[in-house]
Amino acid sequence: MYQSKAYRRWVQGQGLISFHVTLKESDLYIRTSSDLSTRARKSLLKHRHMLEEYIIKHPSFATSLKPIAVTKSAPAIISKMAVAAAQVNVGPMAAVAGAIAYFVGEDLAVYSPEVIIENGGDIYLKSLTNRTVAIFAGSSPLSGKIGLEIKASTTPIAICTSSGTIGHSLSLGKADAVVVVSKDTALADAAATAVANRILSPDDIQNGIEFARGIAQLMGVVIIKNDQIGICGELEISRTNT
């Protein structure tokens, strides 16, 4: 079922073409230098097909809430999800949105010097200019008021968000938003889930930050619960006007 993503109305900026590509659970909002919607849909079909075919043969891949071993012949998207999940001790499907954004993004990057893909709060970003990424945190008073300043020189990069109060993705916690920045999009997605699972109240923010600090390859993490926020890593934070 389609769910409205009001935060997409916050997107500003000139010079890029915007389009949507949807297929089953995947709902990608994409910005590129030219209309690559046909290529994007073909890429999404390709990677979803590999994912679905693997799940038919190995159904536990789709249901496990813990890391799971995959076959040596598994497609690249399956292996990437499995590795990310193992790093943070969650099920591999915790990395699916980020992995799809990554593989579609890499496919489109061959044809466009700039690619922005947002897939259910998980972003693959390749940019020639510095960008501000606002944080959507549901009913938190901080929602839309804080942004991450992303330098073009750090891209391609991932900015992935997990929440226990908004969206349809499984979360064992109640965080309004956990945002993870990493060069690895699948890992950022899985790590956001793992950290968010630990946040039930503002009192848990510090423990979530300490857990995040123990995850290799993360550039930074933001945790929001109600009107409280925790931040760690190499992040530049700014106020936004959304």
C-alpha atoms as a PDB file:
ATOM      1  CA  MET A   1       0.000   0.000   0.000  1.00  0.00           C
ATOM      2  CA  TYR A   2       1.349   3.446  -0.940  1.00  0.00           C
ATOM      3  CA  GLN A   3       2.106   5.737   1.988  1.00  0.00           C
ATOM      4  CA  SER A   4       2.313   9.502   1.541  1.00  0.00           C
ATOM      5  CA  LYS A   5       5.830  10.860   2.036  1.00  0.00           C
ATOM      6  CA  ALA A   6       5.159  14.496   2.864  1.00  0.00           C
ATOM      7  CA  TYR A   7       8.840  15.191   3.486  1.00  0.00           C
ATOM      8  CA  ARG A   8       9.485  14.918  -0.256  1.00  0.00           C
ATOM      9  CA  ARG A   9       7.832  18.340  -0.604  1.00  0.00           C
ATOM     10  CA  TRP A  10      10.849  19.772   1.230  1.00  0.00           C
ATOM     11  CA  VAL A  11      13.147  19.069  -1.728  1.00  0.00           C
ATOM     12  CA  GLN A  12      14.541  22.224  -3.310  1.00  0.00           C
ATOM     13  CA  GLY A  13      17.160  23.017  -5.901  1.00  0.00           C
ATOM     14  CA  GLN A  14      17.492  23.661  -9.602  1.00  0.00           C
ATOM     15  CA  GLY A  15      19.136  21.815 -12.459  1.00  0.00           C
ATOM     16  CA  LEU A  16      18.039  18.234 -11.791  1.00  0.00           C
ATOM     17  CA  ILE A  17      15.138  16.233 -13.209  1.00  0.00           C
ATOM     18  CA  SER A  18      12.833  14.614 -10.623  1.00  0.00           C
ATOM     19  CA  PHE A  19      10.820  11.432 -11.153  1.00  0.00           C
ATOM     20  CA  HIS A  20       9.350   8.483  -9.244  1.00  0.00           C
ATOM     21  CA  VAL A  21       9.851   4.793  -9.896  1.00  0.00           C
ATOM     22  CA  THR A  22       7.660   2.374  -7.956  1.00  0.00           C
ATOM     23  CA  LEU A  23       7.507  -1.415  -7.965  1.00  0.00           C
ATOM     24  CA  LYS A  24       5.743  -3.376  -5.234  1.00  0.00           C
ATOM     25  CA  GLU A  25       7.245  -2.242  -1.906  1.00  0.00           C
ATOM     26  CA  SER A  26       9.910  -0.091  -3.576  1.00  0.00           C
ATOM     27  CA  ASP A  27       9.044   3.599  -3.994  1.00  0.00           C
ATOM     28  CA  LEU A  28      12.009   5.553  -5.293  1.00  0.00           C
ATOM     29  CA  TYR A  29      12.132   9.329  -5.598  1.00  0.00           C
ATOM     30  CA  ILE A  30      14.999  10.108  -7.968  1.00  0.00           C
ATOM     31  CA  ARG A  31      16.779  13.250  -9.146  1.00  0.00           C
ATOM     32  CA  THR A  32      19.301  13.106 -11.994  1.00  0.00           C
ATOM     33  CA  SER A  33      20.758  15.466 -14.593  1.00  0.00           C
ATOM     34  CA  SER A  34      18.442  14.093 -17.293  1.00  0.00           C
ATOM     35  CA  ASP A  35      15.320  11.951 -17.437  1.00  0.00           C
ATOM     36  CA  LEU A  36      16.584   8.469 -16.623  1.00  0.00           C
ATOM     37  CA  SER A  37      13.225   7.080 -15.534  1.00  0.00           C
ATOM     38  CA  THR A  38      13.290   4.232 -18.072  1.00  0.00           C
ATOM     39  CA  ARG A  39      16.807   3.187 -17.042  1.00  0.00           C
ATOM     40  CA  ALA A  40      15.860   3.525 -13.372  1.00  0.00           C
ATOM     41  CA  ARG A  41      12.861   1.259 -13.762  1.00  0.00           C
ATOM     42  CA  LYS A  42      14.918  -1.353 -15.622  1.00  0.00           C
ATOM     43  CA  SER A  43      17.537  -1.235 -12.864  1.00  0.00           C
ATOM     44  CA  LEU A  44      14.936  -1.575 -10.128  1.00  0.00           C
ATOM     45  CA  LEU A  45      13.320  -4.504 -11.938  1.00  0.00           C
ATOM     46  CA  LYS A  46      16.705  -6.201 -12.325  1.00  0.00           C
ATOM     47  CA  HIS A  47      17.742  -5.936  -8.694  1.00  0.00           C
ATOM     48  CA  ARG A  48      14.315  -6.762  -7.283  1.00  0.00           C
ATOM     49  CA  HIS A  49      14.143  -9.820  -9.535  1.00  0.00           C
ATOM     50  CA  MET A  50      17.461 -11.111  -8.189  1.00  0.00           C
ATOM     51  CA  LEU A  51      16.281 -10.469  -4.627  1.00  0.00           C
ATOM     52  CA  GLU A  52      12.916 -12.151  -5.123  1.00  0.00           C
ATOM     53  CA  GLU A  53      14.374 -15.160  -6.928  1.00  0.00           C
ATOM     54  CA  TYR A  54      16.834 -15.729  -4.093  1.00  0.00           C
ATOM     55  CA  ILE A  55      14.064 -15.463  -1.487  1.00  0.00           C
ATOM     56  CA  ILE A  56      11.982 -18.072  -3.346  1.00  0.00           C
ATOM     57  CA  LYS A  57      14.851 -20.541  -2.929  1.00  0.00           C
ATOM     58  CA  HIS A  58      15.878 -19.323   0.544  1.00  0.00           C
ATOM     59  CA  PRO A  59      12.720 -17.981   2.263  1.00  0.00           C
ATOM     60  CA  SER A  60      14.435 -17.522   5.634  1.00  0.00           C
ATOM     61  CA  PHE A  61      16.389 -14.644   4.104  1.00  0.00           C
ATOM     62  CA  ALA A  62      13.168 -12.618   4.112  1.00  0.00           C
ATOM     63  CA  THR A  63      11.989 -13.531   7.613  1.00  0.00           C
ATOM     64  CA  SER A  64      15.062 -13.833   9.815  1.00  0.00           C
ATOM     65  CA  LEU A  65      15.568 -11.104  12.405  1.00  0.00           C
ATOM     66  CA  LYS A  66      19.151 -12.223  12.880  1.00  0.00           C
ATOM     67  CA  PRO A  67      22.085 -12.383  10.435  1.00  0.00           C
ATOM     68  CA  ILE A  68      21.928 -15.311   8.089  1.00  0.00           C
ATOM     69  CA  ALA A  69      24.550 -16.995   5.900  1.00  0.00           C
ATOM     70  CA  VAL A  70      24.052 -16.828   2.144  1.00  0.00           C
ATOM     71  CA  THR A  71      25.297 -19.025  -0.662  1.00  0.00           C
ATOM     72  CA  LYS A  72      28.588 -18.278  -2.416  1.00  0.00           C
ATOM     73  CA  SER A  73      26.681 -17.833  -5.672  1.00  0.00           C
ATOM     74  CA  ALA A  74      24.243 -15.298  -4.200  1.00  0.00           C
ATOM     75  CA  PRO A  75      23.699 -12.106  -6.249  1.00  0.00           C
ATOM     76  CA  ALA A  76      25.658  -9.023  -5.204  1.00  0.00           C
ATOM     77  CA  ILE A  77      22.618  -7.360  -3.615  1.00  0.00           C
ATOM     78  CA  ILE A  78      22.009 -10.423  -1.413  1.00  0.00           C
ATOM     79  CA  SER A  79      25.649 -10.634  -0.318  1.00  0.00           C
ATOM     80  CA  LYS A  80      25.793  -6.906   0.457  1.00  0.00           C
ATOM     81  CA  MET A  81      22.650  -7.096   2.594  1.00  0.00           C
ATOM     82  CA  ALA A  82      23.937 -10.163   4.445  1.00  0.00           C
ATOM     83  CA  VAL A  83      27.307  -8.567   5.225  1.00  0.00           C
ATOM     84  CA  ALA A  84      25.668  -5.369   6.473  1.00  0.00           C
ATOM     85  CA  ALA A  85      23.235  -7.279   8.676  1.00  0.00           C
ATOM     86  CA  ALA A  86      26.025  -9.359  10.199  1.00  0.00           C
ATOM     87  CA  GLN A  87      27.955  -6.216  11.171  1.00  0.00           C
ATOM     88  CA  VAL A  88      25.111  -4.956  13.389  1.00  0.00           C
ATOM     89  CA  ASN A  89      23.303  -8.216  14.303  1.00  0.00           C
ATOM     90  CA  VAL A  90      19.975  -7.690  12.525  1.00  0.00           C
ATOM     91  CA  GLY A  91      18.110  -9.588   9.825  1.00  0.00           C
ATOM     92  CA  PRO A  92      19.233  -8.972   6.233  1.00  0.00           C
ATOM     93  CA  MET A  93      15.966  -7.341   5.170  1.00  0.00           C
ATOM     94  CA  ALA A  94      16.861  -4.450   7.487  1.00  0.00           C
ATOM     95  CA  ALA A  95      19.254  -3.433   4.703  1.00  0.00           C
ATOM     96  CA  VAL A  96      16.945  -3.914   1.711  1.00  0.00           C
ATOM     97  CA  ALA A  97      15.862  -0.308   1.051  1.00  0.00           C
ATOM     98  CA  GLY A  98      19.399   0.986   1.343  1.00  0.00           C
ATOM     99  CA  ALA A  99      20.767  -1.791  -0.848  1.00  0.00           C
ATOM    100  CA  ILE A 100      18.227  -1.116  -3.591  1.00  0.00           C
ATOM    101  CA  ALA A 101      18.957   2.623  -3.461  1.00  0.00           C
ATOM    102  CA  TYR A 102      22.672   1.853  -3.771  1.00  0.00           C
ATOM    103  CA  PHE A 103      22.489  -0.535  -6.708  1.00  0.00           C
ATOM    104  CA  VAL A 104      20.014   1.607  -8.671  1.00  0.00           C
ATOM    105  CA  GLY A 105      22.105   4.668  -7.834  1.00  0.00           C
ATOM    106  CA  GLU A 106      25.298   3.050  -9.096  1.00  0.00           C
ATOM    107  CA  ASP A 107      23.560   2.010 -12.303  1.00  0.00           C
ATOM    108  CA  LEU A 108      22.315   5.562 -12.941  1.00  0.00           C
ATOM    109  CA  ALA A 109      25.644   7.176 -11.989  1.00  0.00           C
ATOM    110  CA  VAL A 110      27.060   5.853 -15.264  1.00  0.00           C
ATOM    111  CA  TYR A 111      24.705   8.243 -17.099  1.00  0.00           C
ATOM    112  CA  SER A 112      24.444  11.191 -14.707  1.00  0.00           C
ATOM    113  CA  PRO A 113      27.120  13.112 -12.765  1.00  0.00           C
ATOM    114  CA  GLU A 114      24.559  13.699 -10.010  1.00  0.00           C
ATOM    115  CA  VAL A 115      22.177  11.100  -8.593  1.00  0.00           C
ATOM    116  CA  ILE A 116      19.891  11.439  -5.598  1.00  0.00           C
ATOM    117  CA  ILE A 117      17.737   8.444  -4.697  1.00  0.00           C
ATOM    118  CA  GLU A 118      15.430   8.376  -1.691  1.00  0.00           C
ATOM    119  CA  ASN A 119      13.821   5.027  -0.915  1.00  0.00           C
ATOM    120  CA  GLY A 120      11.636   5.092   2.192  1.00  0.00           C
ATOM    121  CA  GLY A 121      13.947   7.443   4.077  1.00  0.00           C
ATOM    122  CA  ASP A 122      17.172   5.872   2.811  1.00  0.00           C
ATOM    123  CA  ILE A 123      19.243   8.086   0.524  1.00  0.00           C
ATOM    124  CA  TYR A 124      21.989   7.398  -1.994  1.00  0.00           C
ATOM    125  CA  LEU A 125      23.601  10.740  -2.834  1.00  0.00           C
ATOM    126  CA  LYS A 126      26.142  11.576  -5.524  1.00  0.00           C
ATOM    127  CA  SER A 127      26.453  15.325  -5.957  1.00  0.00           C
ATOM    128  CA  LEU A 128      28.604  17.993  -7.594  1.00  0.00           C
ATOM    129  CA  THR A 129      27.471  20.609  -5.058  1.00  0.00           C
ATOM    130  CA  ASN A 130      27.133  20.700  -1.288  1.00  0.00           C
ATOM    131  CA  ARG A 131      23.697  19.604  -0.082  1.00  0.00           C
ATOM    132  CA  THR A 132      21.589  20.031   3.052  1.00  0.00           C
ATOM    133  CA  VAL A 133      19.573  16.933   4.025  1.00  0.00           C
ATOM    134  CA  ALA A 134      16.734  17.798   6.410  1.00  0.00           C
ATOM    135  CA  ILE A 135      15.763  15.229   9.035  1.00  0.00           C
ATOM    136  CA  PHE A 136      12.115  14.138   9.154  1.00  0.00           C
ATOM    137  CA  ALA A 137      11.266  12.897  12.649  1.00  0.00           C
ATOM    138  CA  GLY A 138       7.496  12.528  12.648  1.00  0.00           C
ATOM    139  CA  SER A 139       5.753  14.364  15.494  1.00  0.00           C
ATOM    140  CA  SER A 140       8.997  15.399  17.212  1.00  0.00           C
ATOM    141  CA  PRO A 141       9.288  19.204  17.532  1.00  0.00           C
ATOM    142  CA  LEU A 142      12.734  18.794  15.971  1.00  0.00           C
ATOM    143  CA  SER A 143      11.316  17.334  12.746  1.00  0.00           C
ATOM    144  CA  GLY A 144      12.360  19.417   9.752  1.00  0.00           C
ATOM    145  CA  LYS A 145      14.308  21.832  11.934  1.00  0.00           C
ATOM    146  CA  ILE A 146      17.695  20.120  11.688  1.00  0.00           C
ATOM    147  CA  GLY A 147      19.728  19.273   8.624  1.00  0.00           C
ATOM    148  CA  LEU A 148      22.947  17.478   7.756  1.00  0.00           C
ATOM    149  CA  GLU A 149      25.425  19.443   5.659  1.00  0.00           C
ATOM    150  CA  ILE A 150      26.876  17.058   3.079  1.00  0.00           C
ATOM    151  CA  LYS A 151      29.939  18.169   1.151  1.00  0.00           C
ATOM    152  CA  ALA A 152      30.113  17.161  -2.511  1.00  0.00           C
ATOM    153  CA  SER A 153      33.628  15.826  -1.982  1.00  0.00           C
ATOM    154  CA  THR A 154      32.307  13.134   0.394  1.00  0.00           C
ATOM    155  CA  THR A 155      29.846  11.699  -2.127  1.00  0.00           C
ATOM    156  CA  PRO A 156      28.753   9.107  -3.149  1.00  0.00           C
ATOM    157  CA  ILE A 157      27.405   8.751   0.370  1.00  0.00           C
ATOM    158  CA  ALA A 158      24.458   7.224   2.222  1.00  0.00           C
ATOM    159  CA  ILE A 159      22.078   8.929   4.639  1.00  0.00           C
ATOM    160  CA  CYS A 160      19.653   6.342   6.011  1.00  0.00           C
ATOM    161  CA  THR A 161      16.837   6.779   8.532  1.00  0.00           C
ATOM    162  CA  SER A 162      14.921   4.363  10.755  1.00  0.00           C
ATOM    163  CA  SER A 163      11.923   5.215  12.928  1.00  0.00           C
ATOM    164  CA  GLY A 164       9.711   3.396  15.378  1.00  0.00           C
ATOM    165  CA  THR A 165       6.934   6.004  15.148  1.00  0.00           C
ATOM    166  CA  ILE A 166       6.533   6.563  11.389  1.00  0.00           C
ATOM    167  CA  GLY A 167       6.575   4.375   8.306  1.00  0.00           C
ATOM    168  CA  HIS A 168       5.821   0.682   7.789  1.00  0.00           C
ATOM    169  CA  SER A 169       9.288  -0.802   8.340  1.00  0.00           C
ATOM    170  CA  LEU A 170       9.787  -3.093  11.319  1.00  0.00           C
ATOM    171  CA  SER A 171      11.390  -1.436  14.354  1.00  0.00           C
ATOM    172  CA  LEU A 172      11.574  -2.810  17.884  1.00  0.00           C
ATOM    173  CA  GLY A 173      12.084   0.685  19.310  1.00  0.00           C
ATOM    174  CA  LYS A 174      10.228   3.984  19.519  1.00  0.00           C
ATOM    175  CA  ALA A 175      12.746   6.453  18.108  1.00  0.00           C
ATOM    176  CA  ASP A 176      11.301   9.328  16.120  1.00  0.00           C
ATOM    177  CA  ALA A 177      14.373   9.162  13.887  1.00  0.00           C
ATOM    178  CA  VAL A 178      17.767   7.507  13.809  1.00  0.00           C
ATOM    179  CA  VAL A 179      19.886   8.820  10.954  1.00  0.00           C
ATOM    180  CA  VAL A 180      23.109   7.071   9.944  1.00  0.00           C
ATOM    181  CA  VAL A 181      25.689   8.446   7.521  1.00  0.00           C
ATOM    182  CA  SER A 182      28.131   6.057   5.847  1.00  0.00           C
ATOM    183  CA  LYS A 183      29.810   5.335   2.537  1.00  0.00           C
ATOM    184  CA  ASP A 184      28.018   1.951   2.599  1.00  0.00           C
ATOM    185  CA  THR A 185      24.285   2.383   1.943  1.00  0.00           C
ATOM    186  CA  ALA A 186      23.263  -1.127   2.999  1.00  0.00           C
ATOM    187  CA  LEU A 187      25.243  -0.821   6.223  1.00  0.00           C
ATOM    188  CA  ALA A 188      23.765   2.612   6.951  1.00  0.00           C
ATOM    189  CA  ASP A 189      20.261   1.166   6.554  1.00  0.00           C
ATOM    190  CA  ALA A 190      20.950  -1.875   8.752  1.00  0.00           C
ATOM    191  CA  ALA A 191      22.749   0.225  11.376  1.00  0.00           C
ATOM    192  CA  ALA A 192      19.876   2.711  11.543  1.00  0.00           C
ATOM    193  CA  THR A 193      17.545  -0.185  12.327  1.00  0.00           C
ATOM    194  CA  ALA A 194      19.907  -1.672  14.915  1.00  0.00           C
ATOM    195  CA  VAL A 195      20.296   1.644  16.744  1.00  0.00           C
ATOM    196  CA  ALA A 196      16.576   2.486  16.524  1.00  0.00           C
ATOM    197  CA  ASN A 197      15.712  -0.889  18.062  1.00  0.00           C
ATOM    198  CA  ARG A 198      17.435   0.302  21.253  1.00  0.00           C
ATOM    199  CA  ILE A 199      15.522   3.576  21.641  1.00  0.00           C
ATOM    200  CA  LEU A 200      12.314   3.386  23.671  1.00  0.00           C
ATOM    201  CA  SER A 201      12.572   6.734  25.463  1.00  0.00           C
ATOM    202  CA  PRO A 202      14.879   9.786  25.555  1.00  0.00           C
ATOM    203  CA  ASP A 203      16.784   8.056  28.347  1.00  0.00           C
ATOM    204  CA  ASP A 204      18.029   5.500  25.814  1.00  0.00           C
ATOM    205  CA  ILE A 205      19.693   8.025  23.499  1.00  0.00           C
ATOM    206  CA  GLN A 206      23.092   7.863  25.177  1.00  0.00           C
ATOM    207  CA  ASN A 207      23.143   4.056  25.044  1.00  0.00           C
ATOM    208  CA  GLY A 208      22.203   4.254  21.371  1.00  0.00           C
ATOM    209  CA  ILE A 209      25.088   6.627  20.722  1.00  0.00           C
ATOM    210  CA  GLU A 210      27.540   4.321  22.500  1.00  0.00           C
ATOM    211  CA  PHE A 211      26.313   1.352  20.476  1.00  0.00           C
ATOM    212  CA  ALA A 212      26.678   3.328  17.232  1.00  0.00           C
ATOM    213  CA  ARG A 213      30.240   4.302  18.106  1.00  0.00           C
ATOM    214  CA  GLY A 214      31.137   0.607  18.102  1.00  0.00           C
ATOM    215  CA  ILE A 215      30.044   0.085  14.491  1.00  0.00           C
ATOM    216  CA  ALA A 216      32.886   0.361  11.997  1.00  0.00           C
ATOM    217  CA  GLN A 217      32.479   2.413   8.797  1.00  0.00           C
ATOM    218  CA  LEU A 218      29.882   4.824  10.172  1.00  0.00           C
ATOM    219  CA  MET A 219      30.635   8.507   9.622  1.00  0.00           C
ATOM    220  CA  GLY A 220      28.021   9.728  12.062  1.00  0.00           C
ATOM    221  CA  VAL A 221      24.677   9.125  13.754  1.00  0.00           C
ATOM    222  CA  VAL A 222      21.779  11.336  14.873  1.00  0.00           C
ATOM    223  CA  ILE A 223      19.132  10.025  17.299  1.00  0.00           C
ATOM    224  CA  ILE A 224      15.894  11.932  17.930  1.00  0.00           C
ATOM    225  CA  LYS A 225      13.253  11.010  20.499  1.00  0.00           C
ATOM    226  CA  ASN A 226      10.616  13.593  21.400  1.00  0.00           C
ATOM    227  CA  ASP A 227      12.480  16.881  21.941  1.00  0.00           C
ATOM    228  CA  GLN A 228      15.818  15.225  22.734  1.00  0.00           C
ATOM    229  CA  ILE A 229      18.705  14.606  20.341  1.00  0.00           C
ATOM    230  CA  GLY A 230      22.015  12.751  20.420  1.00  0.00           C
ATOM    231  CA  ILE A 231      24.785  13.174  17.835  1.00  0.00           C
ATOM    232  CA  CYS A 232      28.117  11.457  17.264  1.00  0.00           C
ATOM    233  CA  GLY A 233      30.677  11.275  14.492  1.00  0.00           C
ATOM    234  CA  GLU A 234      31.947  13.593  11.788  1.00  0.00           C
ATOM    235  CA  LEU A 235      28.713  15.457  11.070  1.00  0.00           C
ATOM    236  CA  GLU A 236      27.986  19.102  10.355  1.00  0.00           C
ATOM    237  CA  ILE A 237      24.535  20.053  11.665  1.00  0.00           C
ATOM    238  CA  SER A 238      22.526  23.092  10.622  1.00  0.00           C
ATOM    239  CA  ARG A 239      19.099  24.631  11.196  1.00  0.00           C
ATOM    240  CA  THR A 240      16.662  24.279   8.298  1.00  0.00           C
ATOM    241  CA  ASN A 241      13.598  26.227   7.197  1.00  0.00           C
ATOM    242  CA  THR A 242      11.285  23.369   6.170  1.00  0.00           C
END
